[in-house]
Amino acid sequence: MVQLSKTPVKPAKATKETNLQKEQHLSSGKTPMPVTIQRRDLTPQDETNIIGSGTYGVCYKGFYHGNIPVVIKSFRKSIQRHEVQRESEALQDLQRTQHHISLPLLFGVNLDSLSFLLVTQLNGAQDRTYALGNAIKEKLLKFKQWVDLAIQLARTLGYIQSCGWLHNDLKENNIVVHYISPAWNPVIIDFGKSCLIKKAKVKTKQHDASRYPWIAPEVLQYTSPPSQASDIFSFGMILKLL
């Protein structure tokens, strides 16, 4: 049993204890706490750098430590701390041993004050981001490239489910295409509504299916909880766009 010292804890000891806790989390199979990013190490978030927005907040293109391109997700002030932690937990757990080419690389979070921040790798080409919907409209890819992208997207969804997770909001705006020579690669983003398969629950509020065509009917009508099948339904709706 670890004996607690009566001596005031010094910062150096606190750091060691934090590292030890991370090692214990890894050895026990638990997801370690995400790295805390200091706001001063990020470029300011202003309207000229907005690359997207949604229910949870606004995403900005920026830089970490001056030269690392990142996406800074600034959450709305109504978003609770545990909601940000849930998204970061999903990203970490899905990439516990190594980075997955079709998932966002998480740099860290800042939960010190509102608005909470979540920082991930910037995906795109030549400093520009391409949501799947925009890539389709601009005819960015050729037919064979779309086929390859769809196959990789299916494999990634299968990987997510094999790790015990559901995305729960798979749609064209939550997929970006990233260029890694010589091919385009899909990256599934926005895990704000994700959950573990074993913890999926029936929704308590019914939604208009016409407003959420990518969500499976049984989930919208709160007759069934989100499932692997409902994520596959969303994937099928994406294939219709391609």
Protein backbone atom coordinates (compact mmCIF):
# COMPACT_ATOMS: atom_id res chain seq x y z
CA MET A 1 0.00 0.00 0.00
CA VAL A 2 1.30 3.47 -0.88
CA GLN A 3 1.94 5.63 2.19
CA LEU A 4 0.76 9.23 1.88
CA SER A 5 3.38 11.77 2.85
CA LYS A 6 2.49 14.51 5.32
CA THR A 7 4.98 16.79 3.58
CA PRO A 8 3.41 19.31 1.15
CA VAL A 9 3.58 17.99 -2.39
CA LYS A 10 6.03 19.85 -4.61
CA PRO A 11 5.32 20.46 -8.31
CA ALA A 12 8.02 17.98 -9.36
CA LYS A 13 6.40 15.23 -7.30
CA ALA A 14 3.00 16.06 -8.75
CA THR A 15 4.42 15.57 -12.24
CA LYS A 16 5.83 12.17 -11.31
CA GLU A 17 2.53 11.12 -9.79
CA THR A 18 0.73 12.19 -12.96
CA ASN A 19 3.06 10.08 -15.09
CA LEU A 20 2.58 7.14 -12.75
CA GLN A 21 -1.19 7.50 -13.03
CA LYS A 22 -0.91 7.42 -16.82
CA GLU A 23 1.15 4.22 -16.67
CA GLN A 24 -1.43 2.67 -14.34
CA HIS A 25 -4.22 3.61 -16.73
CA LEU A 26 -2.41 1.95 -19.65
CA SER A 27 -1.61 -1.21 -17.72
CA SER A 28 -5.21 -1.49 -16.48
CA GLY A 29 -6.73 -0.94 -19.92
CA LYS A 30 -8.20 2.45 -18.99
CA THR A 31 -7.86 5.47 -21.26
CA PRO A 32 -5.26 7.94 -19.89
CA MET A 33 -6.16 11.58 -19.36
CA PRO A 34 -5.49 13.75 -22.44
CA VAL A 35 -2.60 16.18 -22.51
CA THR A 36 -3.49 19.69 -21.32
CA ILE A 37 -2.61 22.27 -23.96
CA GLN A 38 -1.84 25.82 -22.90
CA ARG A 39 -3.88 28.48 -24.68
CA ARG A 40 -0.81 30.66 -25.10
CA ASP A 41 0.70 27.95 -27.34
CA LEU A 42 -2.18 28.28 -29.83
CA THR A 43 -2.77 31.01 -32.39
CA PRO A 44 -5.79 33.25 -31.64
CA GLN A 45 -9.18 31.99 -32.78
CA ASP A 46 -10.88 34.60 -34.97
CA GLU A 47 -13.58 34.61 -37.63
CA THR A 48 -11.13 34.64 -40.54
CA ASN A 49 -9.90 31.17 -39.53
CA ILE A 50 -13.28 29.43 -39.08
CA ILE A 51 -13.43 26.16 -41.02
CA GLY A 52 -16.68 24.79 -39.66
CA SER A 53 -19.32 24.96 -36.94
CA GLY A 54 -21.97 22.74 -35.43
CA THR A 55 -24.07 21.94 -32.39
CA TYR A 56 -21.08 21.67 -30.09
CA GLY A 57 -19.03 24.64 -31.19
CA VAL A 58 -16.80 26.25 -33.81
CA CYS A 59 -13.66 24.84 -35.45
CA TYR A 60 -10.76 27.12 -36.32
CA LYS A 61 -7.66 26.54 -38.38
CA GLY A 62 -4.61 27.49 -36.38
CA PHE A 63 -1.10 26.60 -35.29
CA TYR A 64 0.27 24.88 -32.20
CA HIS A 65 3.67 26.09 -30.99
CA GLY A 66 3.81 28.42 -33.97
CA ASN A 67 4.35 25.91 -36.80
CA ILE A 68 2.16 22.81 -36.33
CA PRO A 69 -1.11 23.09 -38.33
CA VAL A 70 -4.08 22.14 -36.14
CA VAL A 71 -7.84 22.33 -35.83
CA ILE A 72 -8.92 24.13 -32.66
CA LYS A 73 -12.43 23.13 -31.64
CA SER A 74 -13.86 25.79 -29.36
CA PHE A 75 -16.91 24.46 -27.54
CA ARG A 76 -19.98 26.54 -26.84
CA LYS A 77 -20.15 27.72 -23.23
CA SER A 78 -23.21 25.52 -22.64
CA ILE A 79 -21.13 22.37 -23.26
CA GLN A 80 -20.19 20.54 -20.08
CA ARG A 81 -16.69 19.39 -19.21
CA HIS A 82 -17.67 15.70 -19.35
CA GLU A 83 -18.87 16.11 -22.95
CA VAL A 84 -15.43 17.32 -24.05
CA GLN A 85 -13.80 14.54 -22.06
CA ARG A 86 -16.03 11.98 -23.79
CA GLU A 87 -14.87 13.09 -27.24
CA SER A 88 -11.20 13.14 -26.24
CA GLU A 89 -11.59 9.73 -24.59
CA ALA A 90 -12.98 8.26 -27.81
CA LEU A 91 -10.09 9.63 -29.90
CA GLN A 92 -7.53 8.37 -27.42
CA ASP A 93 -9.06 4.95 -26.94
CA LEU A 94 -9.37 4.35 -30.68
CA GLN A 95 -5.69 5.17 -31.13
CA ARG A 96 -4.34 3.69 -27.93
CA THR A 97 -1.36 1.96 -29.52
CA GLN A 98 -0.82 3.96 -32.71
CA HIS A 99 -2.29 6.73 -34.84
CA HIS A 100 -4.97 5.58 -37.29
CA ILE A 101 -4.63 7.20 -40.72
CA SER A 102 -8.38 7.86 -40.98
CA LEU A 103 -8.95 9.28 -37.49
CA PRO A 104 -7.99 12.69 -36.08
CA LEU A 105 -4.71 12.81 -34.16
CA LEU A 106 -5.47 14.37 -30.79
CA PHE A 107 -2.90 16.84 -29.50
CA GLY A 108 -4.76 17.68 -26.31
CA VAL A 109 -7.46 19.71 -24.60
CA ASN A 110 -7.82 22.76 -22.42
CA LEU A 111 -10.47 22.54 -19.71
CA ASP A 112 -9.12 25.33 -17.50
CA SER A 113 -11.82 27.82 -18.47
CA LEU A 114 -14.68 28.44 -20.92
CA SER A 115 -14.75 27.97 -23.79
CA PHE A 116 -13.23 24.50 -23.55
CA LEU A 117 -10.83 23.58 -26.36
CA LEU A 118 -9.98 20.34 -28.16
CA VAL A 119 -7.00 20.38 -30.53
CA THR A 120 -6.40 17.89 -33.34
CA GLN A 121 -4.25 17.55 -36.43
CA LEU A 122 -5.31 19.61 -39.47
CA ASN A 123 -6.26 17.37 -42.39
CA GLY A 124 -6.57 18.53 -46.00
CA ALA A 125 -4.26 19.64 -48.77
CA GLN A 126 -2.11 22.74 -49.17
CA ASP A 127 -3.40 24.25 -45.90
CA ARG A 128 -7.01 23.89 -47.02
CA THR A 129 -9.58 21.56 -45.48
CA TYR A 130 -12.09 19.65 -47.59
CA ALA A 131 -15.27 18.29 -46.03
CA LEU A 132 -16.60 15.35 -48.02
CA GLY A 133 -19.58 17.37 -49.23
CA ASN A 134 -17.36 20.13 -50.59
CA ALA A 135 -15.01 17.61 -52.22
CA ILE A 136 -18.00 16.11 -54.06
CA LYS A 137 -19.28 19.49 -55.23
CA GLU A 138 -15.83 20.53 -56.47
CA LYS A 139 -15.29 17.14 -58.16
CA LEU A 140 -12.00 16.90 -56.34
CA LEU A 141 -11.53 13.16 -56.96
CA LYS A 142 -11.86 10.88 -59.95
CA PHE A 143 -14.18 7.85 -59.94
CA LYS A 144 -11.50 5.30 -59.00
CA GLN A 145 -10.34 7.57 -56.17
CA TRP A 146 -13.90 7.79 -54.81
CA VAL A 147 -14.14 3.99 -54.84
CA ASP A 148 -10.86 3.67 -52.93
CA LEU A 149 -12.00 6.35 -50.47
CA ALA A 150 -15.30 4.54 -49.84
CA ILE A 151 -13.47 1.27 -49.18
CA GLN A 152 -11.15 2.96 -46.69
CA LEU A 153 -14.12 4.64 -45.03
CA ALA A 154 -15.84 1.26 -44.60
CA ARG A 155 -12.67 -0.24 -43.12
CA THR A 156 -12.36 2.66 -40.69
CA LEU A 157 -15.96 2.31 -39.54
CA GLY A 158 -15.32 -1.40 -39.04
CA TYR A 159 -12.23 -0.56 -36.99
CA ILE A 160 -14.18 1.89 -34.80
CA GLN A 161 -16.80 -0.76 -34.09
CA SER A 162 -14.19 -3.45 -33.46
CA CYS A 163 -12.83 -1.19 -30.70
CA GLY A 164 -16.28 -1.09 -29.11
CA TRP A 165 -17.29 2.42 -30.20
CA LEU A 166 -20.12 4.03 -32.17
CA HIS A 167 -19.74 7.35 -33.97
CA ASN A 168 -23.48 8.17 -33.96
CA ASP A 169 -23.22 11.18 -36.28
CA LEU A 170 -21.62 9.95 -39.49
CA LYS A 171 -22.43 12.41 -42.29
CA GLU A 172 -20.75 14.28 -45.12
CA ASN A 173 -19.70 17.22 -42.93
CA ASN A 174 -18.07 14.90 -40.41
CA ILE A 175 -15.70 13.40 -42.94
CA VAL A 176 -12.78 15.31 -44.42
CA VAL A 177 -10.47 14.19 -47.20
CA HIS A 178 -6.74 14.38 -46.63
CA TYR A 179 -4.11 14.14 -49.34
CA ILE A 180 -1.19 11.81 -48.68
CA SER A 181 0.73 11.38 -51.92
CA PRO A 182 -0.33 9.75 -54.15
CA ALA A 183 -3.85 9.25 -52.74
CA TRP A 184 -6.75 10.96 -51.00
CA ASN A 185 -7.72 9.50 -47.64
CA PRO A 186 -10.95 9.93 -45.63
CA VAL A 187 -10.74 11.11 -42.02
CA ILE A 188 -13.76 10.69 -39.75
CA ILE A 189 -14.07 13.65 -37.40
CA ASP A 190 -16.36 15.00 -34.66
CA PHE A 191 -16.78 12.28 -32.07
CA GLY A 192 -18.90 14.53 -29.86
CA LYS A 193 -21.89 12.15 -29.99
CA SER A 194 -19.88 8.94 -29.89
CA CYS A 195 -20.36 6.32 -27.20
CA LEU A 196 -19.28 2.83 -26.30
CA ILE A 197 -21.48 0.18 -27.91
CA LYS A 198 -22.21 -1.35 -24.51
CA LYS A 199 -23.38 2.03 -23.15
CA ALA A 200 -25.69 3.03 -26.02
CA LYS A 201 -29.14 4.13 -24.82
CA VAL A 202 -32.48 4.82 -26.47
CA LYS A 203 -32.92 8.53 -27.20
CA THR A 204 -35.59 10.19 -25.07
CA LYS A 205 -36.52 12.87 -27.61
CA GLN A 206 -38.08 12.13 -30.98
CA HIS A 207 -36.61 14.00 -33.97
CA ASP A 208 -37.91 14.93 -37.40
CA ALA A 209 -36.41 12.41 -39.82
CA SER A 210 -36.39 15.00 -42.63
CA ARG A 211 -33.89 17.10 -40.67
CA TYR A 212 -31.58 14.17 -39.93
CA PRO A 213 -31.64 11.94 -43.02
CA TRP A 214 -28.30 10.33 -42.14
CA ILE A 215 -29.60 8.95 -38.82
CA ALA A 216 -31.34 5.56 -38.81
CA PRO A 217 -35.16 5.81 -38.38
CA GLU A 218 -35.26 3.54 -35.33
CA VAL A 219 -32.85 5.86 -33.51
CA LEU A 220 -34.76 9.03 -34.43
CA GLN A 221 -38.06 7.50 -33.32
CA TYR A 222 -36.50 6.32 -30.03
CA THR A 223 -37.53 2.71 -30.58
CA SER A 224 -33.94 1.41 -30.50
CA PRO A 225 -30.62 2.66 -29.15
CA PRO A 226 -27.78 3.61 -31.52
CA SER A 227 -26.03 0.50 -32.77
CA GLN A 228 -23.51 -0.84 -35.24
CA ALA A 229 -26.41 -1.16 -37.69
CA SER A 230 -27.36 2.52 -37.29
CA ASP A 231 -23.79 3.63 -38.03
CA ILE A 232 -23.83 1.39 -41.11
CA PHE A 233 -27.10 3.04 -42.17
CA SER A 234 -25.33 6.42 -41.99
CA PHE A 235 -22.47 5.01 -44.05
CA GLY A 236 -24.98 3.86 -46.66
CA MET A 237 -26.38 7.38 -46.93
CA ILE A 238 -22.85 8.65 -47.59
CA LEU A 239 -22.42 6.11 -50.38
CA LYS A 240 -25.53 7.54 -52.03
CA LEU A 241 -23.76 10.91 -52.24
CA LEU A 242 -20.74 9.37 -53.93
